[in-house]
Amino acid sequence: MHILLIEDDLDLGRALQAALRLEGHSSEWLRRANDAPHQLDPGAQDAVLLDQTLPGGDGHALLTRWRRQGSAVPIIVITARSALQDRLAGFDGGADDYVVKPFEMPELIARLRSVLRRSAHQASDTWQLGALTIEPLRRRVLLDGAELALSPREYQLLVELARERGNVVAKHVLAQRLSPLGDPLDFGTLEVHLANLRRKIGASRIGTARGVGYWLECA
């Protein structure tokens, strides 16, 4: 999954990117409010970690603007502002979670997992999709109870399709989300991973919208 990180502190930004990488996420790191995208693209960002106090603007203004535009991309506010009125303003502005600095990295990663799980409409840490079971915390996939041996890219591809629950995911979106640094893969490489994944989970479980993208059959 691809995370947009907006944080001006150099040490914290580096630590967050390292933690996200260990979790299997790619990320884009911005340090100024005016470098942030005017609109969030759910095909490009799976979640946002947003500092409130930024050079060139205010993180809360970004949050409220994105929500007024109708964006449903999960946003976690990370800030030193700990007063009750600040936390309430963050939630009222549309934050999915609010984490006060200083924080422990495992807690932030756990909170990120939680909001990503909710955005994928999964109530628990075990995703049940017909005969497929995905356990994100253990990075494990089972088919009819038997564990599958998936490569990291195959696993990530399956998770991205599973998050959309039967909806078509565009090829360029999948290519971007599977890239370790956020740079898109070429479609030929993507199709190789798809072919390998189909062979392991059953070809009929991945549908193709020709020239557009793919979807996961959940039955």
N, C-alpha and C. Protein backbone atom coordinates (compact mmCIF):
# COMPACT_ATOMS: atom_id res chain seq x y z
N MET A 1 0.84 -1.19 0.00
CA MET A 1 0.00 0.00 0.00
C MET A 1 0.88 1.24 0.00
N HIS A 2 0.36 2.32 -0.55
CA HIS A 2 1.15 3.54 -0.72
C HIS A 2 0.63 4.62 0.24
N ILE A 3 1.52 5.12 1.08
CA ILE A 3 1.16 6.06 2.13
C ILE A 3 1.76 7.43 1.80
N LEU A 4 0.94 8.47 1.90
CA LEU A 4 1.42 9.84 1.77
C LEU A 4 1.76 10.35 3.17
N LEU A 5 3.02 10.71 3.36
CA LEU A 5 3.52 11.21 4.65
C LEU A 5 3.82 12.70 4.50
N ILE A 6 3.18 13.51 5.32
CA ILE A 6 3.42 14.96 5.31
C ILE A 6 3.89 15.35 6.70
N GLU A 7 5.19 15.54 6.83
CA GLU A 7 5.85 15.76 8.13
C GLU A 7 7.14 16.52 7.88
N ASP A 8 7.34 17.63 8.62
CA ASP A 8 8.52 18.45 8.35
C ASP A 8 9.75 18.03 9.14
N ASP A 9 9.59 17.27 10.21
CA ASP A 9 10.73 16.87 11.03
C ASP A 9 11.55 15.80 10.31
N LEU A 10 12.83 16.07 10.09
CA LEU A 10 13.67 15.16 9.32
C LEU A 10 13.83 13.80 9.99
N ASP A 11 14.16 13.80 11.28
CA ASP A 11 14.39 12.54 11.97
C ASP A 11 13.11 11.70 12.02
N LEU A 12 11.99 12.33 12.35
CA LEU A 12 10.74 11.59 12.43
C LEU A 12 10.32 11.10 11.05
N GLY A 13 10.48 11.93 10.04
CA GLY A 13 10.11 11.52 8.69
C GLY A 13 10.89 10.30 8.24
N ARG A 14 12.20 10.29 8.49
CA ARG A 14 13.02 9.14 8.12
C ARG A 14 12.60 7.89 8.89
N ALA A 15 12.32 8.06 10.18
CA ALA A 15 11.92 6.92 11.00
C ALA A 15 10.57 6.36 10.53
N LEU A 16 9.65 7.26 10.17
CA LEU A 16 8.35 6.81 9.68
C LEU A 16 8.49 6.07 8.37
N GLN A 17 9.29 6.58 7.46
CA GLN A 17 9.47 5.88 6.19
C GLN A 17 10.09 4.50 6.40
N ALA A 18 11.04 4.40 7.33
CA ALA A 18 11.66 3.09 7.61
C ALA A 18 10.63 2.12 8.19
N ALA A 19 9.79 2.61 9.10
CA ALA A 19 8.76 1.75 9.71
C ALA A 19 7.73 1.31 8.67
N LEU A 20 7.35 2.21 7.78
CA LEU A 20 6.39 1.86 6.73
C LEU A 20 6.99 0.82 5.78
N ARG A 21 8.26 0.98 5.47
CA ARG A 21 8.92 0.03 4.58
C ARG A 21 8.96 -1.35 5.21
N LEU A 22 9.24 -1.43 6.52
CA LEU A 22 9.24 -2.72 7.21
C LEU A 22 7.86 -3.36 7.22
N GLU A 23 6.84 -2.53 7.20
CA GLU A 23 5.47 -3.02 7.19
C GLU A 23 5.03 -3.44 5.79
N GLY A 24 5.87 -3.17 4.80
CA GLY A 24 5.55 -3.56 3.43
C GLY A 24 4.88 -2.47 2.62
N HIS A 25 4.88 -1.22 3.14
CA HIS A 25 4.24 -0.11 2.44
C HIS A 25 5.28 0.74 1.72
N SER A 26 4.90 1.27 0.58
CA SER A 26 5.69 2.33 -0.04
C SER A 26 5.17 3.66 0.48
N SER A 27 5.95 4.72 0.30
CA SER A 27 5.52 6.03 0.82
C SER A 27 6.11 7.16 0.00
N GLU A 28 5.40 8.27 0.03
CA GLU A 28 5.90 9.53 -0.51
C GLU A 28 5.97 10.51 0.65
N TRP A 29 7.11 11.17 0.83
CA TRP A 29 7.32 12.05 1.98
C TRP A 29 7.39 13.49 1.49
N LEU A 30 6.51 14.32 2.00
CA LEU A 30 6.51 15.75 1.74
C LEU A 30 6.72 16.48 3.05
N ARG A 31 7.38 17.66 2.98
CA ARG A 31 7.70 18.38 4.22
C ARG A 31 7.01 19.73 4.33
N ARG A 32 6.33 20.18 3.30
CA ARG A 32 5.67 21.48 3.31
C ARG A 32 4.20 21.33 2.92
N ALA A 33 3.36 22.13 3.57
CA ALA A 33 1.93 22.06 3.28
C ALA A 33 1.64 22.40 1.83
N ASN A 34 2.37 23.39 1.28
CA ASN A 34 2.06 23.79 -0.09
C ASN A 34 2.61 22.82 -1.13
N ASP A 35 3.32 21.76 -0.71
CA ASP A 35 3.71 20.70 -1.63
C ASP A 35 2.67 19.58 -1.68
N ALA A 36 1.70 19.62 -0.78
CA ALA A 36 0.68 18.56 -0.72
C ALA A 36 -0.23 18.65 -1.95
N PRO A 37 -0.77 17.53 -2.40
CA PRO A 37 -1.68 17.57 -3.55
C PRO A 37 -2.94 18.35 -3.23
N HIS A 38 -3.46 19.05 -4.24
CA HIS A 38 -4.69 19.81 -4.01
C HIS A 38 -5.85 18.87 -3.68
N GLN A 39 -5.87 17.72 -4.34
CA GLN A 39 -6.88 16.71 -4.08
C GLN A 39 -6.19 15.37 -3.83
N LEU A 40 -6.81 14.55 -2.99
CA LEU A 40 -6.29 13.20 -2.78
C LEU A 40 -6.87 12.27 -3.84
N ASP A 41 -6.02 11.39 -4.33
CA ASP A 41 -6.41 10.42 -5.35
C ASP A 41 -6.43 9.04 -4.71
N PRO A 42 -7.62 8.43 -4.53
CA PRO A 42 -7.66 7.11 -3.89
C PRO A 42 -6.92 6.04 -4.67
N GLY A 43 -6.64 6.31 -5.95
CA GLY A 43 -5.84 5.38 -6.73
C GLY A 43 -4.36 5.53 -6.48
N ALA A 44 -3.96 6.67 -5.91
CA ALA A 44 -2.54 6.93 -5.67
C ALA A 44 -2.16 6.82 -4.21
N GLN A 45 -3.06 7.20 -3.31
CA GLN A 45 -2.77 7.16 -1.87
C GLN A 45 -3.77 6.24 -1.16
N ASP A 46 -3.25 5.32 -0.37
CA ASP A 46 -4.12 4.46 0.43
C ASP A 46 -4.41 5.05 1.80
N ALA A 47 -3.54 5.92 2.28
CA ALA A 47 -3.73 6.60 3.57
C ALA A 47 -2.76 7.76 3.63
N VAL A 48 -3.05 8.69 4.56
CA VAL A 48 -2.20 9.87 4.77
C VAL A 48 -1.83 9.96 6.24
N LEU A 49 -0.54 10.18 6.51
CA LEU A 49 -0.07 10.55 7.84
C LEU A 49 0.24 12.04 7.77
N LEU A 50 -0.49 12.84 8.53
CA LEU A 50 -0.50 14.29 8.35
C LEU A 50 -0.12 15.03 9.63
N ASP A 51 1.00 15.74 9.59
CA ASP A 51 1.36 16.62 10.70
C ASP A 51 0.47 17.86 10.64
N GLN A 52 0.22 18.46 11.78
CA GLN A 52 -0.63 19.64 11.83
C GLN A 52 0.14 20.93 11.63
N THR A 53 1.35 21.02 12.13
CA THR A 53 2.14 22.25 12.05
C THR A 53 3.21 22.07 10.99
N LEU A 54 3.04 22.77 9.87
CA LEU A 54 3.90 22.57 8.71
C LEU A 54 4.38 23.89 8.15
N PRO A 55 5.58 23.91 7.57
CA PRO A 55 5.99 25.11 6.83
C PRO A 55 5.06 25.32 5.63
N GLY A 56 4.73 26.55 5.37
CA GLY A 56 3.93 26.87 4.19
C GLY A 56 2.45 26.67 4.35
N GLY A 57 1.98 26.37 5.56
CA GLY A 57 0.54 26.20 5.75
C GLY A 57 0.23 25.36 6.96
N ASP A 58 -1.04 25.02 7.10
CA ASP A 58 -1.52 24.31 8.28
C ASP A 58 -2.10 22.97 7.87
N GLY A 59 -1.71 21.91 8.57
CA GLY A 59 -2.20 20.58 8.25
C GLY A 59 -3.71 20.46 8.40
N HIS A 60 -4.28 21.17 9.38
CA HIS A 60 -5.73 21.09 9.57
C HIS A 60 -6.46 21.64 8.35
N ALA A 61 -5.91 22.67 7.73
CA ALA A 61 -6.54 23.24 6.53
C ALA A 61 -6.53 22.22 5.39
N LEU A 62 -5.43 21.46 5.27
CA LEU A 62 -5.39 20.40 4.26
C LEU A 62 -6.46 19.36 4.53
N LEU A 63 -6.56 18.94 5.79
CA LEU A 63 -7.54 17.93 6.19
C LEU A 63 -8.95 18.36 5.83
N THR A 64 -9.33 19.56 6.25
CA THR A 64 -10.70 20.01 6.01
C THR A 64 -10.96 20.20 4.51
N ARG A 65 -9.97 20.66 3.77
CA ARG A 65 -10.18 20.83 2.33
C ARG A 65 -10.42 19.49 1.64
N TRP A 66 -9.60 18.50 1.98
CA TRP A 66 -9.77 17.19 1.35
C TRP A 66 -11.11 16.58 1.69
N ARG A 67 -11.56 16.73 2.93
CA ARG A 67 -12.86 16.17 3.30
C ARG A 67 -14.01 16.93 2.63
N ARG A 68 -13.88 18.23 2.49
CA ARG A 68 -14.93 18.99 1.79
C ARG A 68 -15.01 18.61 0.32
N GLN A 69 -13.88 18.15 -0.24
CA GLN A 69 -13.88 17.68 -1.62
C GLN A 69 -14.48 16.29 -1.76
N GLY A 70 -14.76 15.67 -0.62
CA GLY A 70 -15.39 14.35 -0.63
C GLY A 70 -14.43 13.17 -0.56
N SER A 71 -13.14 13.43 -0.30
CA SER A 71 -12.18 12.34 -0.24
C SER A 71 -12.45 11.43 0.96
N ALA A 72 -12.40 10.12 0.70
CA ALA A 72 -12.56 9.14 1.77
C ALA A 72 -11.25 8.44 2.11
N VAL A 73 -10.12 8.92 1.57
CA VAL A 73 -8.82 8.33 1.88
C VAL A 73 -8.57 8.46 3.39
N PRO A 74 -8.20 7.38 4.07
CA PRO A 74 -7.96 7.47 5.52
C PRO A 74 -6.83 8.45 5.84
N ILE A 75 -7.06 9.27 6.87
CA ILE A 75 -6.08 10.28 7.29
C ILE A 75 -5.85 10.16 8.79
N ILE A 76 -4.60 9.97 9.17
CA ILE A 76 -4.22 9.97 10.59
C ILE A 76 -3.44 11.25 10.85
N VAL A 77 -3.90 12.04 11.79
CA VAL A 77 -3.20 13.26 12.19
C VAL A 77 -2.12 12.89 13.20
N ILE A 78 -0.90 13.36 12.95
CA ILE A 78 0.20 13.18 13.91
C ILE A 78 0.69 14.57 14.31
N THR A 79 0.62 14.89 15.58
CA THR A 79 0.84 16.27 16.00
C THR A 79 1.28 16.37 17.45
N ALA A 80 1.92 17.47 17.78
CA ALA A 80 2.26 17.77 19.17
C ALA A 80 1.12 18.48 19.88
N ARG A 81 0.09 18.85 19.16
CA ARG A 81 -1.05 19.53 19.77
C ARG A 81 -1.90 18.51 20.52
N SER A 82 -1.85 18.58 21.85
CA SER A 82 -2.50 17.56 22.66
C SER A 82 -3.75 18.06 23.38
N ALA A 83 -4.08 19.34 23.26
CA ALA A 83 -5.24 19.89 23.96
C ALA A 83 -6.52 19.25 23.43
N LEU A 84 -7.52 19.14 24.30
CA LEU A 84 -8.79 18.52 23.93
C LEU A 84 -9.40 19.22 22.72
N GLN A 85 -9.36 20.57 22.71
CA GLN A 85 -9.99 21.27 21.58
C GLN A 85 -9.29 20.97 20.27
N ASP A 86 -7.97 20.74 20.31
CA ASP A 86 -7.25 20.38 19.09
C ASP A 86 -7.65 18.99 18.61
N ARG A 87 -7.77 18.05 19.55
CA ARG A 87 -8.16 16.69 19.16
C ARG A 87 -9.58 16.67 18.60
N LEU A 88 -10.48 17.41 19.25
CA LEU A 88 -11.85 17.47 18.75
C LEU A 88 -11.92 18.11 17.37
N ALA A 89 -11.11 19.18 17.18
CA ALA A 89 -11.10 19.83 15.88
C ALA A 89 -10.59 18.88 14.80
N GLY A 90 -9.61 18.05 15.15
CA GLY A 90 -9.09 17.08 14.20
C GLY A 90 -10.15 16.07 13.79
N PHE A 91 -10.85 15.51 14.77
CA PHE A 91 -11.89 14.54 14.44
C PHE A 91 -13.06 15.20 13.71
N ASP A 92 -13.45 16.39 14.16
CA ASP A 92 -14.55 17.09 13.49
C ASP A 92 -14.17 17.48 12.06
N GLY A 93 -12.87 17.69 11.83
CA GLY A 93 -12.41 18.02 10.48
C GLY A 93 -12.32 16.84 9.56
N GLY A 94 -12.47 15.62 10.12
CA GLY A 94 -12.50 14.43 9.27
C GLY A 94 -11.36 13.46 9.48
N ALA A 95 -10.53 13.64 10.53
CA ALA A 95 -9.44 12.70 10.77
C ALA A 95 -10.00 11.33 11.17
N ASP A 96 -9.37 10.28 10.68
CA ASP A 96 -9.76 8.93 11.07
C ASP A 96 -9.13 8.54 12.40
N ASP A 97 -8.01 9.16 12.72
CA ASP A 97 -7.36 8.92 14.01
C ASP A 97 -6.47 10.13 14.29
N TYR A 98 -6.05 10.25 15.56
CA TYR A 98 -5.30 11.42 16.02
C TYR A 98 -4.25 10.92 16.98
N VAL A 99 -2.98 11.06 16.62
CA VAL A 99 -1.88 10.53 17.43
C VAL A 99 -1.00 11.70 17.89
N VAL A 100 -0.81 11.80 19.20
CA VAL A 100 -0.07 12.91 19.77
C VAL A 100 1.41 12.55 19.91
N LYS A 101 2.26 13.46 19.46
CA LYS A 101 3.71 13.30 19.63
C LYS A 101 4.11 13.61 21.07
N PRO A 102 5.15 12.96 21.60
CA PRO A 102 5.87 11.84 21.02
C PRO A 102 5.06 10.56 21.14
N PHE A 103 5.21 9.67 20.18
CA PHE A 103 4.47 8.42 20.19
C PHE A 103 5.43 7.27 19.94
N GLU A 104 5.00 6.07 20.29
CA GLU A 104 5.78 4.86 20.01
C GLU A 104 5.43 4.39 18.60
N MET A 105 6.44 4.08 17.80
CA MET A 105 6.21 3.70 16.41
C MET A 105 5.28 2.49 16.27
N PRO A 106 5.42 1.43 17.10
CA PRO A 106 4.49 0.30 16.95
C PRO A 106 3.03 0.69 17.12
N GLU A 107 2.77 1.67 18.01
CA GLU A 107 1.38 2.10 18.19
C GLU A 107 0.87 2.79 16.93
N LEU A 108 1.68 3.67 16.35
CA LEU A 108 1.24 4.36 15.13
C LEU A 108 0.99 3.35 14.01
N ILE A 109 1.89 2.37 13.85
CA ILE A 109 1.70 1.37 12.80
C ILE A 109 0.43 0.56 13.06
N ALA A 110 0.14 0.25 14.33
CA ALA A 110 -1.08 -0.48 14.66
C ALA A 110 -2.32 0.35 14.32
N ARG A 111 -2.24 1.66 14.58
CA ARG A 111 -3.37 2.54 14.24
C ARG A 111 -3.55 2.63 12.73
N LEU A 112 -2.44 2.66 12.00
CA LEU A 112 -2.52 2.67 10.55
C LEU A 112 -3.17 1.39 10.04
N ARG A 113 -2.77 0.26 10.58
CA ARG A 113 -3.40 -1.01 10.20
C ARG A 113 -4.91 -0.94 10.42
N SER A 114 -5.29 -0.36 11.55
CA SER A 114 -6.71 -0.30 11.90
C SER A 114 -7.51 0.53 10.88
N VAL A 115 -6.99 1.70 10.53
CA VAL A 115 -7.76 2.53 9.59
C VAL A 115 -7.75 1.91 8.19
N LEU A 116 -6.67 1.25 7.81
CA LEU A 116 -6.65 0.58 6.51
C LEU A 116 -7.62 -0.60 6.50
N ARG A 117 -7.72 -1.29 7.62
CA ARG A 117 -8.66 -2.40 7.72
C ARG A 117 -10.09 -1.89 7.59
N ARG A 118 -10.40 -0.78 8.26
CA ARG A 118 -11.74 -0.23 8.16
C ARG A 118 -12.04 0.23 6.74
N SER A 119 -11.04 0.82 6.08
CA SER A 119 -11.28 1.29 4.72
C SER A 119 -11.49 0.14 3.75
N ALA A 120 -10.97 -1.04 4.11
CA ALA A 120 -11.17 -2.24 3.30
C ALA A 120 -12.42 -3.00 3.71
N HIS A 121 -13.21 -2.44 4.65
CA HIS A 121 -14.46 -3.03 5.11
C HIS A 121 -14.24 -4.40 5.77
N GLN A 122 -13.12 -4.51 6.47
CA GLN A 122 -12.83 -5.73 7.19
C GLN A 122 -12.88 -5.44 8.68
N ALA A 123 -13.64 -6.24 9.42
CA ALA A 123 -13.86 -5.96 10.84
C ALA A 123 -12.78 -6.56 11.73
N SER A 124 -11.99 -7.47 11.20
CA SER A 124 -10.99 -8.12 12.05
C SER A 124 -9.67 -8.19 11.31
N ASP A 125 -8.66 -8.76 11.97
CA ASP A 125 -7.35 -8.93 11.37
C ASP A 125 -7.27 -10.15 10.47
N THR A 126 -8.37 -10.87 10.33
CA THR A 126 -8.46 -11.99 9.38
C THR A 126 -9.51 -11.64 8.34
N TRP A 127 -9.09 -11.59 7.09
CA TRP A 127 -10.00 -11.27 5.99
C TRP A 127 -10.48 -12.56 5.36
N GLN A 128 -11.79 -12.77 5.34
CA GLN A 128 -12.35 -13.98 4.75
C GLN A 128 -13.03 -13.62 3.44
N LEU A 129 -12.53 -14.16 2.35
CA LEU A 129 -13.06 -13.88 1.02
C LEU A 129 -13.33 -15.21 0.33
N GLY A 130 -14.51 -15.77 0.62
CA GLY A 130 -14.81 -17.09 0.11
C GLY A 130 -13.84 -18.11 0.69
N ALA A 131 -13.21 -18.89 -0.19
CA ALA A 131 -12.27 -19.91 0.26
C ALA A 131 -10.92 -19.34 0.64
N LEU A 132 -10.70 -18.05 0.33
CA LEU A 132 -9.42 -17.40 0.64
C LEU A 132 -9.47 -16.76 2.02
N THR A 133 -8.41 -16.93 2.77
CA THR A 133 -8.24 -16.26 4.06
C THR A 133 -6.93 -15.48 4.01
N ILE A 134 -7.01 -14.17 4.33
CA ILE A 134 -5.81 -13.34 4.37
C ILE A 134 -5.61 -12.87 5.80
N GLU A 135 -4.39 -13.07 6.30
CA GLU A 135 -4.03 -12.62 7.65
C GLU A 135 -2.94 -11.56 7.52
N PRO A 136 -3.32 -10.27 7.41
CA PRO A 136 -2.32 -9.22 7.15
C PRO A 136 -1.24 -9.12 8.20
N LEU A 137 -1.57 -9.32 9.48
CA LEU A 137 -0.56 -9.18 10.52
C LEU A 137 0.54 -10.24 10.38
N ARG A 138 0.18 -11.40 9.88
CA ARG A 138 1.15 -12.48 9.70
C ARG A 138 1.62 -12.59 8.25
N ARG A 139 1.05 -11.73 7.37
CA ARG A 139 1.36 -11.76 5.94
C ARG A 139 1.21 -13.19 5.41
N ARG A 140 0.05 -13.78 5.73
CA ARG A 140 -0.20 -15.18 5.40
C ARG A 140 -1.51 -15.28 4.64
N VAL A 141 -1.56 -16.19 3.65
CA VAL A 141 -2.76 -16.44 2.85
C VAL A 141 -3.04 -17.94 2.86
N LEU A 142 -4.30 -18.29 3.08
CA LEU A 142 -4.71 -19.69 3.05
C LEU A 142 -5.80 -19.87 2.01
N LEU A 143 -5.79 -21.00 1.34
CA LEU A 143 -6.83 -21.38 0.40
C LEU A 143 -7.42 -22.70 0.88
N ASP A 144 -8.70 -22.67 1.25
CA ASP A 144 -9.36 -23.85 1.84
C ASP A 144 -8.56 -24.39 3.02
N GLY A 145 -7.98 -23.47 3.81
CA GLY A 145 -7.27 -23.84 5.02
C GLY A 145 -5.81 -24.19 4.83
N ALA A 146 -5.35 -24.31 3.58
CA ALA A 146 -3.95 -24.65 3.32
C ALA A 146 -3.18 -23.38 2.99
N GLU A 147 -2.02 -23.21 3.64
CA GLU A 147 -1.23 -21.99 3.43
C GLU A 147 -0.61 -21.99 2.04
N LEU A 148 -0.65 -20.82 1.40
CA LEU A 148 -0.07 -20.64 0.07
C LEU A 148 1.31 -20.01 0.19
N ALA A 149 2.20 -20.42 -0.68
CA ALA A 149 3.54 -19.82 -0.75
C ALA A 149 3.51 -18.73 -1.81
N LEU A 150 3.33 -17.48 -1.38
CA LEU A 150 3.27 -16.34 -2.30
C LEU A 150 4.54 -15.51 -2.16
N SER A 151 5.00 -14.98 -3.27
CA SER A 151 6.11 -14.03 -3.22
C SER A 151 5.60 -12.72 -2.61
N PRO A 152 6.50 -11.84 -2.15
CA PRO A 152 6.03 -10.56 -1.60
C PRO A 152 5.15 -9.77 -2.56
N ARG A 153 5.52 -9.73 -3.84
CA ARG A 153 4.71 -9.01 -4.82
C ARG A 153 3.36 -9.69 -5.05
N GLU A 154 3.33 -11.01 -5.08
CA GLU A 154 2.05 -11.72 -5.24
C GLU A 154 1.14 -11.47 -4.05
N TYR A 155 1.73 -11.50 -2.86
CA TYR A 155 0.94 -11.23 -1.66
C TYR A 155 0.37 -9.81 -1.69
N GLN A 156 1.21 -8.84 -2.01
CA GLN A 156 0.76 -7.46 -2.03
C GLN A 156 -0.32 -7.25 -3.09
N LEU A 157 -0.16 -7.89 -4.24
CA LEU A 157 -1.15 -7.79 -5.30
C LEU A 157 -2.50 -8.35 -4.84
N LEU A 158 -2.47 -9.50 -4.17
CA LEU A 158 -3.70 -10.09 -3.66
C LEU A 158 -4.37 -9.17 -2.65
N VAL A 159 -3.59 -8.58 -1.76
CA VAL A 159 -4.15 -7.68 -0.75
C VAL A 159 -4.80 -6.46 -1.42
N GLU A 160 -4.14 -5.91 -2.43
CA GLU A 160 -4.71 -4.73 -3.10
C GLU A 160 -6.02 -5.08 -3.79
N LEU A 161 -6.12 -6.23 -4.41
CA LEU A 161 -7.38 -6.65 -5.02
C LEU A 161 -8.44 -6.94 -3.96
N ALA A 162 -8.02 -7.54 -2.85
CA ALA A 162 -8.96 -7.89 -1.79
C ALA A 162 -9.55 -6.64 -1.13
N ARG A 163 -8.76 -5.59 -1.04
CA ARG A 163 -9.25 -4.36 -0.42
C ARG A 163 -10.44 -3.78 -1.18
N GLU A 164 -10.51 -4.02 -2.48
CA GLU A 164 -11.58 -3.46 -3.30
C GLU A 164 -12.81 -4.36 -3.36
N ARG A 165 -12.69 -5.59 -2.86
CA ARG A 165 -13.83 -6.50 -2.70
C ARG A 165 -14.69 -6.63 -3.95
N GLY A 166 -14.09 -7.09 -5.04
CA GLY A 166 -14.87 -7.37 -6.24
C GLY A 166 -14.94 -6.24 -7.24
N ASN A 167 -14.44 -5.06 -6.88
CA ASN A 167 -14.43 -3.94 -7.81
C ASN A 167 -13.19 -3.99 -8.70
N VAL A 168 -13.31 -3.46 -9.90
CA VAL A 168 -12.18 -3.42 -10.82
C VAL A 168 -11.14 -2.43 -10.30
N VAL A 169 -9.89 -2.88 -10.24
CA VAL A 169 -8.77 -2.00 -9.87
C VAL A 169 -7.94 -1.78 -11.13
N ALA A 170 -7.75 -0.52 -11.49
CA ALA A 170 -7.05 -0.19 -12.73
C ALA A 170 -5.62 -0.70 -12.71
N LYS A 171 -5.12 -1.06 -13.89
CA LYS A 171 -3.76 -1.59 -14.01
C LYS A 171 -2.73 -0.59 -13.50
N HIS A 172 -2.91 0.69 -13.84
CA HIS A 172 -1.90 1.66 -13.42
C HIS A 172 -1.91 1.85 -11.90
N VAL A 173 -3.09 1.67 -11.28
CA VAL A 173 -3.17 1.76 -9.83
C VAL A 173 -2.43 0.59 -9.18
N LEU A 174 -2.67 -0.61 -9.68
CA LEU A 174 -1.97 -1.78 -9.14
C LEU A 174 -0.47 -1.65 -9.33
N ALA A 175 -0.05 -1.19 -10.50
CA ALA A 175 1.38 -1.05 -10.77
C ALA A 175 2.02 -0.08 -9.79
N GLN A 176 1.34 1.00 -9.49
CA GLN A 176 1.89 1.98 -8.56
C GLN A 176 1.93 1.44 -7.14
N ARG A 177 0.86 0.77 -6.72
CA ARG A 177 0.81 0.27 -5.35
C ARG A 177 1.80 -0.85 -5.10
N LEU A 178 2.18 -1.58 -6.13
CA LEU A 178 3.13 -2.66 -5.95
C LEU A 178 4.57 -2.19 -6.03
N SER A 179 4.79 -0.92 -6.26
CA SER A 179 6.15 -0.43 -6.41
C SER A 179 6.75 -0.09 -5.06
N PRO A 180 7.96 -0.54 -4.76
CA PRO A 180 8.52 -0.33 -3.43
C PRO A 180 8.78 1.12 -3.10
N LEU A 181 8.99 1.98 -4.08
CA LEU A 181 9.27 3.39 -3.83
C LEU A 181 8.20 4.29 -4.43
N GLY A 182 7.07 3.73 -4.83
CA GLY A 182 6.00 4.52 -5.38
C GLY A 182 6.10 4.76 -6.87
N ASP A 183 7.16 4.28 -7.53
CA ASP A 183 7.29 4.43 -8.97
C ASP A 183 6.59 3.26 -9.65
N PRO A 184 5.75 3.52 -10.65
CA PRO A 184 4.97 2.44 -11.25
C PRO A 184 5.83 1.35 -11.88
N LEU A 185 5.38 0.10 -11.75
CA LEU A 185 5.96 -1.00 -12.49
C LEU A 185 5.48 -0.92 -13.94
N ASP A 186 6.20 -1.56 -14.84
CA ASP A 186 5.66 -1.66 -16.19
C ASP A 186 4.59 -2.74 -16.20
N PHE A 187 3.63 -2.61 -17.13
CA PHE A 187 2.49 -3.52 -17.14
C PHE A 187 2.89 -4.96 -17.43
N GLY A 188 3.97 -5.14 -18.19
CA GLY A 188 4.42 -6.50 -18.46
C GLY A 188 4.81 -7.23 -17.20
N THR A 189 5.53 -6.56 -16.30
CA THR A 189 5.93 -7.17 -15.03
C THR A 189 4.71 -7.43 -14.16
N LEU A 190 3.77 -6.48 -14.15
CA LEU A 190 2.54 -6.66 -13.38
C LEU A 190 1.80 -7.91 -13.85
N GLU A 191 1.71 -8.10 -15.15
CA GLU A 191 0.96 -9.25 -15.68
C GLU A 191 1.65 -10.57 -15.36
N VAL A 192 2.98 -10.56 -15.26
CA VAL A 192 3.69 -11.77 -14.83
C VAL A 192 3.29 -12.14 -13.41
N HIS A 193 3.26 -11.14 -12.51
CA HIS A 193 2.85 -11.41 -11.13
C HIS A 193 1.40 -11.89 -11.07
N LEU A 194 0.53 -11.30 -11.89
CA LEU A 194 -0.86 -11.73 -11.92
C LEU A 194 -0.99 -13.17 -12.38
N ALA A 195 -0.23 -13.53 -13.41
CA ALA A 195 -0.28 -14.90 -13.91
C ALA A 195 0.16 -15.88 -12.83
N ASN A 196 1.21 -15.54 -12.10
CA ASN A 196 1.69 -16.42 -11.03
C ASN A 196 0.67 -16.52 -9.90
N LEU A 197 0.04 -15.39 -9.57
CA LEU A 197 -0.97 -15.41 -8.51
C LEU A 197 -2.18 -16.23 -8.94
N ARG A 198 -2.61 -16.07 -10.19
CA ARG A 198 -3.74 -16.87 -10.69
C ARG A 198 -3.43 -18.36 -10.59
N ARG A 199 -2.23 -18.74 -10.93
CA ARG A 199 -1.85 -20.15 -10.88
C ARG A 199 -1.96 -20.70 -9.46
N LYS A 200 -1.68 -19.86 -8.47
CA LYS A 200 -1.65 -20.34 -7.08
C LYS A 200 -3.02 -20.31 -6.40
N ILE A 201 -3.86 -19.33 -6.77
CA ILE A 201 -5.16 -19.24 -6.09
C ILE A 201 -6.30 -19.74 -6.97
N GLY A 202 -6.03 -20.02 -8.24
CA GLY A 202 -7.08 -20.43 -9.17
C GLY A 202 -7.40 -19.31 -10.14
N ALA A 203 -7.28 -19.59 -11.42
CA ALA A 203 -7.44 -18.54 -12.44
C ALA A 203 -8.79 -17.86 -12.38
N SER A 204 -9.84 -18.61 -12.02
CA SER A 204 -11.19 -18.03 -12.03
C SER A 204 -11.40 -17.00 -10.92
N ARG A 205 -10.48 -16.93 -9.96
CA ARG A 205 -10.67 -16.00 -8.84
C ARG A 205 -10.24 -14.58 -9.19
N ILE A 206 -9.56 -14.37 -10.30
CA ILE A 206 -9.18 -13.03 -10.71
C ILE A 206 -9.79 -12.73 -12.07
N GLY A 207 -10.71 -11.78 -12.09
CA GLY A 207 -11.35 -11.39 -13.34
C GLY A 207 -10.58 -10.29 -14.03
N THR A 208 -10.79 -10.16 -15.34
CA THR A 208 -10.10 -9.17 -16.14
C THR A 208 -11.11 -8.27 -16.84
N ALA A 209 -10.95 -6.97 -16.67
CA ALA A 209 -11.66 -5.98 -17.48
C ALA A 209 -10.66 -5.55 -18.54
N ARG A 210 -10.80 -6.09 -19.73
CA ARG A 210 -9.77 -5.95 -20.76
C ARG A 210 -9.40 -4.49 -21.01
N GLY A 211 -8.10 -4.22 -20.92
CA GLY A 211 -7.60 -2.88 -21.16
C GLY A 211 -7.80 -1.93 -19.99
N VAL A 212 -8.43 -2.40 -18.91
CA VAL A 212 -8.73 -1.52 -17.77
C VAL A 212 -8.03 -2.00 -16.50
N GLY A 213 -8.36 -3.22 -16.07
CA GLY A 213 -7.78 -3.70 -14.82
C GLY A 213 -8.30 -5.06 -14.44
N TYR A 214 -8.32 -5.36 -13.15
CA TYR A 214 -8.62 -6.68 -12.65
C TYR A 214 -9.47 -6.57 -11.38
N TRP A 215 -10.17 -7.67 -11.07
CA TRP A 215 -10.89 -7.71 -9.82
C TRP A 215 -10.78 -9.12 -9.22
N LEU A 216 -11.02 -9.19 -7.90
CA LEU A 216 -10.95 -10.44 -7.19
C LEU A 216 -12.36 -10.95 -6.93
N GLU A 217 -12.63 -12.18 -7.36
CA GLU A 217 -13.92 -12.81 -7.07
C GLU A 217 -13.92 -13.21 -5.60
N CYS A 218 -14.93 -12.73 -4.87
CA CYS A 218 -14.96 -12.94 -3.42
C CYS A 218 -15.76 -14.17 -3.01
N ALA A 219 -16.47 -14.78 -3.92
CA ALA A 219 -17.32 -15.93 -3.58
C ALA A 219 -16.47 -17.17 -3.38
